[in-house]
Amino acid sequence: MYDIFIFLLQRVDWRNDRGQATTEYALVLLAAALVGLLVIAWATTGGGAAAISALFDRVIQSVTDRV
């Protein structure tokens, strides 16, 4: 088993950056999805819904006061 591992390590071209941008792009998308899910979870449970509702009401009230 150790010999196979060493053989595979020797065959890898560690200087080749091919595919790195794709990997970084995928990780950024995963991080953005995680943040989105956390925001949705916060907004739908606990005080998140009330906070968003209060913010929306204040914005609408501010707009209607100026018109």
PDB file of N, CA and C in Angstrom:
ATOM      1  N   MET A   1       0.828  -1.190   0.000  1.00  0.00           N
ATOM      2  CA  MET A   1       0.000   0.000   0.000  1.00  0.00           C
ATOM      3  C   MET A   1       0.872   1.253   0.000  1.00  0.00           C
ATOM      4  N   TYR A   2       1.913   1.239   0.799  1.00  0.00           N
ATOM      5  CA  TYR A   2       2.821   2.380   0.883  1.00  0.00           C
ATOM      6  C   TYR A   2       3.495   2.626  -0.467  1.00  0.00           C
ATOM      7  N   ASP A   3       3.866   1.567  -1.164  1.00  0.00           N
ATOM      8  CA  ASP A   3       4.511   1.692  -2.466  1.00  0.00           C
ATOM      9  C   ASP A   3       3.585   2.343  -3.493  1.00  0.00           C
ATOM     10  N   ILE A   4       2.316   2.003  -3.435  1.00  0.00           N
ATOM     11  CA  ILE A   4       1.351   2.605  -4.357  1.00  0.00           C
ATOM     12  C   ILE A   4       1.216   4.090  -4.067  1.00  0.00           C
ATOM     13  N   PHE A   5       1.158   4.454  -2.798  1.00  0.00           N
ATOM     14  CA  PHE A   5       1.046   5.855  -2.395  1.00  0.00           C
ATOM     15  C   PHE A   5       2.261   6.654  -2.885  1.00  0.00           C
ATOM     16  N   ILE A   6       3.460   6.118  -2.709  1.00  0.00           N
ATOM     17  CA  ILE A   6       4.675   6.798  -3.165  1.00  0.00           C
ATOM     18  C   ILE A   6       4.675   6.916  -4.688  1.00  0.00           C
ATOM     19  N   PHE A   7       4.254   5.862  -5.368  1.00  0.00           N
ATOM     20  CA  PHE A   7       4.190   5.883  -6.825  1.00  0.00           C
ATOM     21  C   PHE A   7       3.252   6.987  -7.319  1.00  0.00           C
ATOM     22  N   LEU A   8       2.085   7.114  -6.701  1.00  0.00           N
ATOM     23  CA  LEU A   8       1.129   8.137  -7.101  1.00  0.00           C
ATOM     24  C   LEU A   8       1.648   9.534  -6.799  1.00  0.00           C
ATOM     25  N   LEU A   9       2.307   9.715  -5.675  1.00  0.00           N
ATOM     26  CA  LEU A   9       2.869  11.022  -5.328  1.00  0.00           C
ATOM     27  C   LEU A   9       3.950  11.452  -6.323  1.00  0.00           C
ATOM     28  N   GLN A  10       4.723  10.513  -6.809  1.00  0.00           N
ATOM     29  CA  GLN A  10       5.781  10.832  -7.754  1.00  0.00           C
ATOM     30  C   GLN A  10       5.214  11.197  -9.130  1.00  0.00           C
ATOM     31  N   ARG A  11       4.047  10.688  -9.449  1.00  0.00           N
ATOM     32  CA  ARG A  11       3.438  10.962 -10.760  1.00  0.00           C
ATOM     33  C   ARG A  11       2.711  12.301 -10.816  1.00  0.00           C
ATOM     34  N   VAL A  12       2.420  12.883  -9.661  1.00  0.00           N
ATOM     35  CA  VAL A  12       1.682  14.150  -9.639  1.00  0.00           C
ATOM     36  C   VAL A  12       2.627  15.287  -9.997  1.00  0.00           C
ATOM     37  N   ASP A  13       2.172  16.133 -10.916  1.00  0.00           N
ATOM     38  CA  ASP A  13       2.929  17.325 -11.277  1.00  0.00           C
ATOM     39  C   ASP A  13       2.461  18.465 -10.377  1.00  0.00           C
ATOM     40  N   TRP A  14       3.208  18.732  -9.344  1.00  0.00           N
ATOM     41  CA  TRP A  14       2.809  19.720  -8.335  1.00  0.00           C
ATOM     42  C   TRP A  14       2.895  21.150  -8.865  1.00  0.00           C
ATOM     43  N   ARG A  15       3.544  21.370  -9.995  1.00  0.00           N
ATOM     44  CA  ARG A  15       3.670  22.714 -10.563  1.00  0.00           C
ATOM     45  C   ARG A  15       2.501  23.072 -11.464  1.00  0.00           C
ATOM     46  N   ASN A  16       1.662  22.132 -11.761  1.00  0.00           N
ATOM     47  CA  ASN A  16       0.543  22.345 -12.671  1.00  0.00           C
ATOM     48  C   ASN A  16      -0.624  22.975 -11.918  1.00  0.00           C
ATOM     49  N   ASP A  17      -1.054  24.174 -12.355  1.00  0.00           N
ATOM     50  CA  ASP A  17      -2.152  24.879 -11.710  1.00  0.00           C
ATOM     51  C   ASP A  17      -3.477  24.698 -12.449  1.00  0.00           C
ATOM     52  N   ARG A  18      -3.515  23.777 -13.366  1.00  0.00           N
ATOM     53  CA  ARG A  18      -4.723  23.551 -14.144  1.00  0.00           C
ATOM     54  C   ARG A  18      -5.866  23.134 -13.225  1.00  0.00           C
ATOM     55  N   GLY A  19      -7.011  23.799 -13.350  1.00  0.00           N
ATOM     56  CA  GLY A  19      -8.171  23.465 -12.535  1.00  0.00           C
ATOM     57  C   GLY A  19      -8.263  24.251 -11.241  1.00  0.00           C
ATOM     58  N   GLN A  20      -7.251  25.047 -10.929  1.00  0.00           N
ATOM     59  CA  GLN A  20      -7.262  25.782  -9.664  1.00  0.00           C
ATOM     60  C   GLN A  20      -8.368  26.838  -9.660  1.00  0.00           C
ATOM     61  N   ALA A  21      -8.548  27.550 -10.759  1.00  0.00           N
ATOM     62  CA  ALA A  21      -9.581  28.587 -10.826  1.00  0.00           C
ATOM     63  C   ALA A  21     -10.966  27.975 -10.672  1.00  0.00           C
ATOM     64  N   THR A  22     -11.175  26.822 -11.268  1.00  0.00           N
ATOM     65  CA  THR A  22     -12.467  26.147 -11.146  1.00  0.00           C
ATOM     66  C   THR A  22     -12.728  25.753  -9.700  1.00  0.00           C
ATOM     67  N   THR A  23     -11.704  25.263  -9.035  1.00  0.00           N
ATOM     68  CA  THR A  23     -11.843  24.878  -7.638  1.00  0.00           C
ATOM     69  C   THR A  23     -12.139  26.090  -6.770  1.00  0.00           C
ATOM     70  N   GLU A  24     -11.438  27.180  -7.006  1.00  0.00           N
ATOM     71  CA  GLU A  24     -11.677  28.392  -6.226  1.00  0.00           C
ATOM     72  C   GLU A  24     -13.090  28.914  -6.473  1.00  0.00           C
ATOM     73  N   TYR A  25     -13.530  28.869  -7.714  1.00  0.00           N
ATOM     74  CA  TYR A  25     -14.879  29.314  -8.054  1.00  0.00           C
ATOM     75  C   TYR A  25     -15.918  28.459  -7.330  1.00  0.00           C
ATOM     76  N   ALA A  26     -15.713  27.169  -7.306  1.00  0.00           N
ATOM     77  CA  ALA A  26     -16.648  26.271  -6.623  1.00  0.00           C
ATOM     78  C   ALA A  26     -16.675  26.555  -5.126  1.00  0.00           C
ATOM     79  N   LEU A  27     -15.525  26.813  -4.534  1.00  0.00           N
ATOM     80  CA  LEU A  27     -15.487  27.116  -3.096  1.00  0.00           C
ATOM     81  C   LEU A  27     -16.179  28.442  -2.786  1.00  0.00           C
ATOM     82  N   VAL A  28     -16.022  29.427  -3.647  1.00  0.00           N
ATOM     83  CA  VAL A  28     -16.704  30.711  -3.446  1.00  0.00           C
ATOM     84  C   VAL A  28     -18.217  30.518  -3.547  1.00  0.00           C
ATOM     85  N   LEU A  29     -18.664  29.717  -4.516  1.00  0.00           N
ATOM     86  CA  LEU A  29     -20.100  29.451  -4.640  1.00  0.00           C
ATOM     87  C   LEU A  29     -20.648  28.720  -3.416  1.00  0.00           C
ATOM     88  N   LEU A  30     -19.886  27.768  -2.898  1.00  0.00           N
ATOM     89  CA  LEU A  30     -20.319  27.066  -1.692  1.00  0.00           C
ATOM     90  C   LEU A  30     -20.404  28.009  -0.504  1.00  0.00           C
ATOM     91  N   ALA A  31     -19.431  28.901  -0.366  1.00  0.00           N
ATOM     92  CA  ALA A  31     -19.449  29.863   0.740  1.00  0.00           C
ATOM     93  C   ALA A  31     -20.636  30.809   0.603  1.00  0.00           C
ATOM     94  N   ALA A  32     -20.922  31.275  -0.611  1.00  0.00           N
ATOM     95  CA  ALA A  32     -22.066  32.169  -0.834  1.00  0.00           C
ATOM     96  C   ALA A  32     -23.381  31.453  -0.533  1.00  0.00           C
ATOM     97  N   ALA A  33     -23.478  30.197  -0.921  1.00  0.00           N
ATOM     98  CA  ALA A  33     -24.687  29.422  -0.636  1.00  0.00           C
ATOM     99  C   ALA A  33     -24.864  29.238   0.866  1.00  0.00           C
ATOM    100  N   LEU A  34     -23.771  28.993   1.572  1.00  0.00           N
ATOM    101  CA  LEU A  34     -23.838  28.832   3.022  1.00  0.00           C
ATOM    102  C   LEU A  34     -24.305  30.121   3.695  1.00  0.00           C
ATOM    103  N   VAL A  35     -23.767  31.245   3.258  1.00  0.00           N
ATOM    104  CA  VAL A  35     -24.186  32.533   3.828  1.00  0.00           C
ATOM    105  C   VAL A  35     -25.667  32.769   3.537  1.00  0.00           C
ATOM    106  N   GLY A  36     -26.091  32.464   2.321  1.00  0.00           N
ATOM    107  CA  GLY A  36     -27.501  32.609   1.970  1.00  0.00           C
ATOM    108  C   GLY A  36     -28.404  31.740   2.826  1.00  0.00           C
ATOM    109  N   LEU A  37     -28.000  30.510   3.045  1.00  0.00           N
ATOM    110  CA  LEU A  37     -28.792  29.619   3.891  1.00  0.00           C
ATOM    111  C   LEU A  37     -28.840  30.109   5.335  1.00  0.00           C
ATOM    112  N   LEU A  38     -27.736  30.625   5.826  1.00  0.00           N
ATOM    113  CA  LEU A  38     -27.726  31.165   7.194  1.00  0.00           C
ATOM    114  C   LEU A  38     -28.644  32.374   7.318  1.00  0.00           C
ATOM    115  N   VAL A  39     -28.648  33.243   6.317  1.00  0.00           N
ATOM    116  CA  VAL A  39     -29.532  34.410   6.343  1.00  0.00           C
ATOM    117  C   VAL A  39     -30.993  33.972   6.293  1.00  0.00           C
ATOM    118  N   ILE A  40     -31.301  33.006   5.442  1.00  0.00           N
ATOM    119  CA  ILE A  40     -32.681  32.512   5.355  1.00  0.00           C
ATOM    120  C   ILE A  40     -33.101  31.862   6.672  1.00  0.00           C
ATOM    121  N   ALA A  41     -32.213  31.077   7.263  1.00  0.00           N
ATOM    122  CA  ALA A  41     -32.531  30.440   8.545  1.00  0.00           C
ATOM    123  C   ALA A  41     -32.754  31.490   9.629  1.00  0.00           C
ATOM    124  N   TRP A  42     -31.930  32.526   9.649  1.00  0.00           N
ATOM    125  CA  TRP A  42     -32.093  33.592  10.651  1.00  0.00           C
ATOM    126  C   TRP A  42     -33.403  34.344  10.431  1.00  0.00           C
ATOM    127  N   ALA A  43     -33.731  34.599   9.158  1.00  0.00           N
ATOM    128  CA  ALA A  43     -34.914  35.397   8.847  1.00  0.00           C
ATOM    129  C   ALA A  43     -36.214  34.648   9.112  1.00  0.00           C
ATOM    130  N   THR A  44     -36.195  33.336   9.032  1.00  0.00           N
ATOM    131  CA  THR A  44     -37.437  32.579   9.186  1.00  0.00           C
ATOM    132  C   THR A  44     -37.651  32.058  10.597  1.00  0.00           C
ATOM    133  N   THR A  45     -36.640  32.090  11.424  1.00  0.00           N
ATOM    134  CA  THR A  45     -36.796  31.628  12.808  1.00  0.00           C
ATOM    135  C   THR A  45     -36.331  32.723  13.751  1.00  0.00           C
ATOM    136  N   GLY A  46     -36.770  32.644  14.957  1.00  0.00           N
ATOM    137  CA  GLY A  46     -36.332  33.613  15.955  1.00  0.00           C
ATOM    138  C   GLY A  46     -36.820  35.010  15.662  1.00  0.00           C
ATOM    139  N   GLY A  47     -35.977  36.005  15.931  1.00  0.00           N
ATOM    140  CA  GLY A  47     -36.357  37.394  15.767  1.00  0.00           C
ATOM    141  C   GLY A  47     -36.068  37.948  14.399  1.00  0.00           C
ATOM    142  N   GLY A  48     -35.599  37.134  13.491  1.00  0.00           N
ATOM    143  CA  GLY A  48     -35.246  37.622  12.169  1.00  0.00           C
ATOM    144  C   GLY A  48     -36.430  38.146  11.390  1.00  0.00           C
ATOM    145  N   ALA A  49     -37.538  37.419  11.437  1.00  0.00           N
ATOM    146  CA  ALA A  49     -38.726  37.849  10.696  1.00  0.00           C
ATOM    147  C   ALA A  49     -39.244  39.174  11.236  1.00  0.00           C
ATOM    148  N   ALA A  50     -39.240  39.328  12.544  1.00  0.00           N
ATOM    149  CA  ALA A  50     -39.713  40.579  13.145  1.00  0.00           C
ATOM    150  C   ALA A  50     -38.785  41.735  12.794  1.00  0.00           C
ATOM    151  N   ALA A  51     -37.483  41.485  12.780  1.00  0.00           N
ATOM    152  CA  ALA A  51     -36.524  42.539  12.449  1.00  0.00           C
ATOM    153  C   ALA A  51     -36.668  42.973  10.998  1.00  0.00           C
ATOM    154  N   ILE A  52     -36.856  42.033  10.090  1.00  0.00           N
ATOM    155  CA  ILE A  52     -37.026  42.376   8.679  1.00  0.00           C
ATOM    156  C   ILE A  52     -38.344  43.126   8.481  1.00  0.00           C
ATOM    157  N   SER A  53     -39.387  42.692   9.158  1.00  0.00           N
ATOM    158  CA  SER A  53     -40.676  43.368   9.054  1.00  0.00           C
ATOM    159  C   SER A  53     -40.585  44.803   9.565  1.00  0.00           C
ATOM    160  N   ALA A  54     -39.915  44.994  10.696  1.00  0.00           N
ATOM    161  CA  ALA A  54     -39.762  46.345  11.248  1.00  0.00           C
ATOM    162  C   ALA A  54     -38.940  47.222  10.310  1.00  0.00           C
ATOM    163  N   LEU A  55     -37.878  46.674   9.736  1.00  0.00           N
ATOM    164  CA  LEU A  55     -37.057  47.432   8.793  1.00  0.00           C
ATOM    165  C   LEU A  55     -37.872  47.826   7.561  1.00  0.00           C
ATOM    166  N   PHE A  56     -38.620  46.879   7.022  1.00  0.00           N
ATOM    167  CA  PHE A  56     -39.449  47.152   5.858  1.00  0.00           C
ATOM    168  C   PHE A  56     -40.485  48.234   6.175  1.00  0.00           C
ATOM    169  N   ASP A  57     -41.121  48.148   7.346  1.00  0.00           N
ATOM    170  CA  ASP A  57     -42.108  49.147   7.739  1.00  0.00           C
ATOM    171  C   ASP A  57     -41.480  50.528   7.857  1.00  0.00           C
ATOM    172  N   ARG A  58     -40.260  50.609   8.413  1.00  0.00           N
ATOM    173  CA  ARG A  58     -39.585  51.898   8.545  1.00  0.00           C
ATOM    174  C   ARG A  58     -39.235  52.476   7.185  1.00  0.00           C
ATOM    175  N   VAL A  59     -38.804  51.643   6.261  1.00  0.00           N
ATOM    176  CA  VAL A  59     -38.459  52.125   4.924  1.00  0.00           C
ATOM    177  C   VAL A  59     -39.709  52.644   4.215  1.00  0.00           C
ATOM    178  N   ILE A  60     -40.777  51.878   4.271  1.00  0.00           N
ATOM    179  CA  ILE A  60     -42.030  52.299   3.628  1.00  0.00           C
ATOM    180  C   ILE A  60     -42.546  53.591   4.268  1.00  0.00           C
ATOM    181  N   GLN A  61     -42.489  53.676   5.583  1.00  0.00           N
ATOM    182  CA  GLN A  61     -42.947  54.881   6.276  1.00  0.00           C
ATOM    183  C   GLN A  61     -42.104  56.085   5.872  1.00  0.00           C
ATOM    184  N   SER A  62     -40.799  55.906   5.767  1.00  0.00           N
ATOM    185  CA  SER A  62     -39.911  56.993   5.375  1.00  0.00           C
ATOM    186  C   SER A  62     -40.202  57.465   3.950  1.00  0.00           C
ATOM    187  N   VAL A  63     -40.471  56.543   3.061  1.00  0.00           N
ATOM    188  CA  VAL A  63     -40.775  56.890   1.679  1.00  0.00           C
ATOM    189  C   VAL A  63     -42.110  57.616   1.601  1.00  0.00           C
ATOM    190  N   THR A  64     -43.107  57.127   2.304  1.00  0.00           N
ATOM    191  CA  THR A  64     -44.422  57.772   2.245  1.00  0.00           C
ATOM    192  C   THR A  64     -44.405  59.142   2.913  1.00  0.00           C
ATOM    193  N   ASP A  65     -43.571  59.360   3.916  1.00  0.00           N
ATOM    194  CA  ASP A  65     -43.457  60.667   4.559  1.00  0.00           C
ATOM    195  C   ASP A  65     -42.860  61.702   3.608  1.00  0.00           C
ATOM    196  N   ARG A  66     -42.017  61.288   2.724  1.00  0.00           N
ATOM    197  CA  ARG A  66     -41.356  62.213   1.807  1.00  0.00           C
ATOM    198  C   ARG A  66     -42.199  62.522   0.569  1.00  0.00           C
ATOM    199  N   VAL A  67     -43.214  61.735   0.333  1.00  0.00           N
ATOM    200  CA  VAL A  67     -44.035  61.947  -0.861  1.00  0.00           C
ATOM    201  C   VAL A  67     -45.176  62.892  -0.579  1.00  0.00           C
TER     202      VAL A  67
END
